[in-house]
Structure formats: structure tokens, C-alpha cells
């Protein structure tokens, strides 16, 4: 099961965060994390709620867990632009970098990897600051929206 590896890494990171912040472990919270890892790459809070409803986990518990997972840097929130949908989340327990290209028109998102950008950011030093991770979103126009725009111009 592919999700199991992600879950194990996320659970280890969660347990480290819980220990470092003197919080208590919770089997229900771990079940929410398991459900998050079983969902597709990007999911909404509502999708996680539905997955957790089968386990009889309350909506409040799901939202509290989401908040904790964000603080522990287990989840990354992808804010949808201009009211085009709910915030999406993705489980990123081991990633230190996050680069996306996003269509400013339709909101499509694609994860990319760029070693040149990654190296430049990793090498850059900031006074009195130690970077833990970064998130970079590059906005533009996807080929679908560009094609539609060009067809509208011609027609």
C-alpha cells in the first residue's frame, strides 16, 4: 500500500512535534492522519471529513487535526485563488521544498521540480534566520486557458 509509507513518515513527524511541544498523543488524531494519507494527493477539508465520518470522527476533531498537521508541517495548504474553490491540502511529511505552477485563470496546479531553483534557495543565507522549508508558487496561464483565449480572439 503506497499510502502506508507516507503515513509512517507523517506519523513519525507528528510524534516528534507532539513530543517537542508537550502535547498528548491521540489515537483519533492518528486515525485522521491515516485517512488524510489515503486520500488523493490534494484533498479538501470536506473530503477528509467524509473519509473520517466512516470512522465516527467528529468534524471538530478533523479541523483541529488539520490545524495541528499544518503547524507540524505535515500538511501543506494550497489556497485557491479568487473564490474558485476550497483550500486544498496535501501531505508532505518529508519535503523541504515545494514548487508549483498555477494557472491564474482556471486555478489548475502542477507540482514541479527544479534543481536550479532549489539550489539557489537552499544556498541563499538570511541574517538571523534558519530556513526550515519553502513554498514557491509560480502564476501564469496554462495551455488550456491560453488556447481558449486565442480561440475567443479569433472567433
Protein backbone atom coordinates (compact mmCIF):
# COMPACT_ATOMS: atom_id res chain seq x y z
CA UNK A 1 0.00 0.00 0.00
CA UNK A 2 1.57 3.23 -1.22
CA UNK A 3 -0.14 5.42 1.42
CA UNK A 4 1.46 3.38 4.23
CA UNK A 5 4.96 4.79 3.61
CA UNK A 6 3.61 8.35 3.60
CA UNK A 7 1.61 7.65 6.75
CA UNK A 8 4.63 6.21 8.60
CA UNK A 9 6.76 9.27 7.72
CA UNK A 10 3.93 11.66 8.64
CA UNK A 11 3.24 9.84 11.92
CA UNK A 12 6.93 9.99 12.88
CA UNK A 13 6.95 13.72 12.19
CA UNK A 14 3.71 14.20 14.13
CA UNK A 15 5.06 12.27 17.11
CA UNK A 16 8.22 14.39 17.08
CA UNK A 17 6.12 17.57 17.04
CA UNK A 18 3.87 16.28 19.83
CA UNK A 19 6.87 15.39 21.98
CA UNK A 20 8.64 18.71 21.32
CA UNK A 21 5.51 20.70 22.24
CA UNK A 22 4.45 18.56 25.23
CA UNK A 23 1.14 17.58 23.66
CA UNK A 24 -0.65 14.32 24.27
CA UNK A 25 -0.85 11.54 21.71
CA UNK A 26 -4.29 10.78 20.38
CA UNK A 27 -5.34 7.62 18.53
CA UNK A 28 -8.22 9.57 16.95
CA UNK A 29 -5.81 12.21 15.61
CA UNK A 30 -3.64 9.43 14.21
CA UNK A 31 -6.72 7.98 12.51
CA UNK A 32 -7.39 11.39 10.88
CA UNK A 33 -3.79 11.41 9.66
CA UNK A 34 -4.22 7.90 8.27
CA UNK A 35 -7.34 8.96 6.38
CA UNK A 36 -5.52 12.03 5.02
CA UNK A 37 -2.73 9.80 3.72
CA UNK A 38 -5.25 7.52 1.99
CA UNK A 39 -6.87 10.40 0.09
CA UNK A 40 -5.66 11.58 -3.34
CA UNK A 41 -2.62 13.87 -3.50
CA UNK A 42 -4.73 17.00 -2.98
CA UNK A 43 -7.86 16.99 -0.87
CA UNK A 44 -10.21 19.44 0.82
CA UNK A 45 -11.25 19.53 4.46
CA UNK A 46 -14.68 18.36 3.36
CA UNK A 47 -13.20 15.29 1.63
CA UNK A 48 -11.26 14.47 4.79
CA UNK A 49 -14.45 14.95 6.85
CA UNK A 50 -16.25 12.41 4.67
CA UNK A 51 -13.42 9.90 4.97
CA UNK A 52 -13.37 10.35 8.76
CA UNK A 53 -17.16 10.14 9.10
CA UNK A 54 -16.91 6.42 8.35
CA UNK A 55 -14.69 6.18 11.45
CA UNK A 56 -17.16 8.20 13.57
CA UNK A 57 -14.71 11.08 13.96
CA UNK A 58 -16.30 14.48 14.62
CA UNK A 59 -15.97 17.45 12.27
CA UNK A 60 -14.36 19.49 15.07
CA UNK A 61 -11.71 16.81 15.57
CA UNK A 62 -10.94 16.80 11.84
CA UNK A 63 -10.48 20.59 11.74
CA UNK A 64 -8.38 20.60 14.93
CA UNK A 65 -6.21 17.85 13.47
CA UNK A 66 -5.81 19.78 10.20
CA UNK A 67 -4.60 22.81 12.16
CA UNK A 68 -2.11 20.70 14.11
CA UNK A 69 -0.85 18.96 10.95
CA UNK A 70 -0.23 22.35 9.35
CA UNK A 71 1.74 23.55 12.41
CA UNK A 72 3.74 20.32 12.41
CA UNK A 73 4.48 20.84 8.69
CA UNK A 74 2.92 17.51 7.78
CA UNK A 75 0.38 19.20 5.52
CA UNK A 76 0.75 21.98 3.02
CA UNK A 77 -2.27 24.21 2.38
CA UNK A 78 -2.95 25.30 -1.17
CA UNK A 79 -5.18 28.37 -1.07
CA UNK A 80 -7.44 28.55 -4.07
CA UNK A 81 -7.47 31.95 -5.73
CA UNK A 82 -10.41 34.31 -6.22
CA UNK A 83 -13.06 32.14 -4.61
CA UNK A 84 -12.60 29.31 -7.08
CA UNK A 85 -12.95 26.56 -4.52
CA UNK A 86 -11.98 25.45 -1.08
CA UNK A 87 -8.47 25.30 0.29
CA UNK A 88 -6.78 22.07 -0.68
CA UNK A 89 -4.27 20.17 1.42
CA UNK A 90 -1.55 17.72 0.61
CA UNK A 91 0.51 15.51 2.88
CA UNK A 92 4.20 16.48 2.66
CA UNK A 93 5.94 14.86 5.64
CA UNK A 94 9.43 14.74 4.20
CA UNK A 95 9.59 17.55 1.68
CA UNK A 96 11.63 20.63 2.46
CA UNK A 97 10.75 22.33 -0.79
CA UNK A 98 7.53 22.90 -2.64
CA UNK A 99 7.35 24.38 -6.13
CA UNK A 100 4.11 24.70 -8.07
CA UNK A 101 2.96 26.30 -11.26
CA UNK A 102 -0.61 27.58 -11.06
CA UNK A 103 -2.89 28.93 -13.75
CA UNK A 104 -4.13 32.31 -12.62
CA UNK A 105 -7.24 31.91 -14.76
CA UNK A 106 -8.62 28.41 -14.05
CA UNK A 107 -6.65 27.50 -10.92
CA UNK A 108 -5.02 24.33 -12.27
CA UNK A 109 -1.99 23.36 -10.22
CA UNK A 110 1.02 21.29 -11.21
CA UNK A 111 3.83 20.25 -8.92
CA UNK A 112 7.27 20.74 -10.47
CA UNK A 113 10.84 20.01 -9.55
CA UNK A 114 13.62 22.41 -10.47
CA UNK A 115 17.09 21.73 -9.09
CA UNK A 116 18.43 25.15 -10.15
CA UNK A 117 15.72 26.99 -8.20
CA UNK A 118 16.03 24.57 -5.29
CA UNK A 119 19.80 25.00 -5.07
CA UNK A 120 19.58 28.80 -5.33
CA UNK A 121 17.06 28.96 -2.48
CA UNK A 122 18.97 26.46 -0.33
CA UNK A 123 22.25 28.35 -0.79
CA UNK A 124 20.79 31.78 -0.01
CA UNK A 125 21.58 32.83 3.56
CA UNK A 126 19.38 35.15 5.59
CA UNK A 127 20.79 37.02 8.59
CA UNK A 128 19.45 35.71 11.90
CA UNK A 129 17.20 33.20 10.14
CA UNK A 130 17.43 29.46 9.60
CA UNK A 131 15.21 28.22 6.80
CA UNK A 132 13.27 25.03 7.50
CA UNK A 133 11.38 24.71 4.23
CA UNK A 134 9.99 26.84 1.42
CA UNK A 135 6.99 27.05 -0.83
CA UNK A 136 7.11 28.71 -4.23
CA UNK A 137 4.07 29.26 -6.43
CA UNK A 138 4.56 30.48 -9.98
CA UNK A 139 1.46 32.04 -11.56
CA UNK A 140 0.76 32.12 -15.25
CA UNK A 141 -1.61 30.80 -17.88
CA UNK A 142 -1.97 27.09 -18.64
CA UNK A 143 -2.04 25.84 -22.23
CA UNK A 144 -5.79 25.08 -22.00
CA UNK A 145 -6.68 28.64 -20.94
CA UNK A 146 -4.26 30.11 -23.47
CA UNK A 147 -5.83 28.04 -26.26
CA UNK A 148 -9.34 29.07 -25.16
CA UNK A 149 -8.33 32.74 -25.04
CA UNK A 150 -6.81 32.54 -28.53
CA UNK A 151 -9.91 30.81 -29.91
CA UNK A 152 -12.11 33.53 -28.40
CA UNK A 153 -9.94 36.21 -30.05
CA UNK A 154 -10.19 34.54 -33.44
CA UNK A 155 -13.93 33.86 -33.25
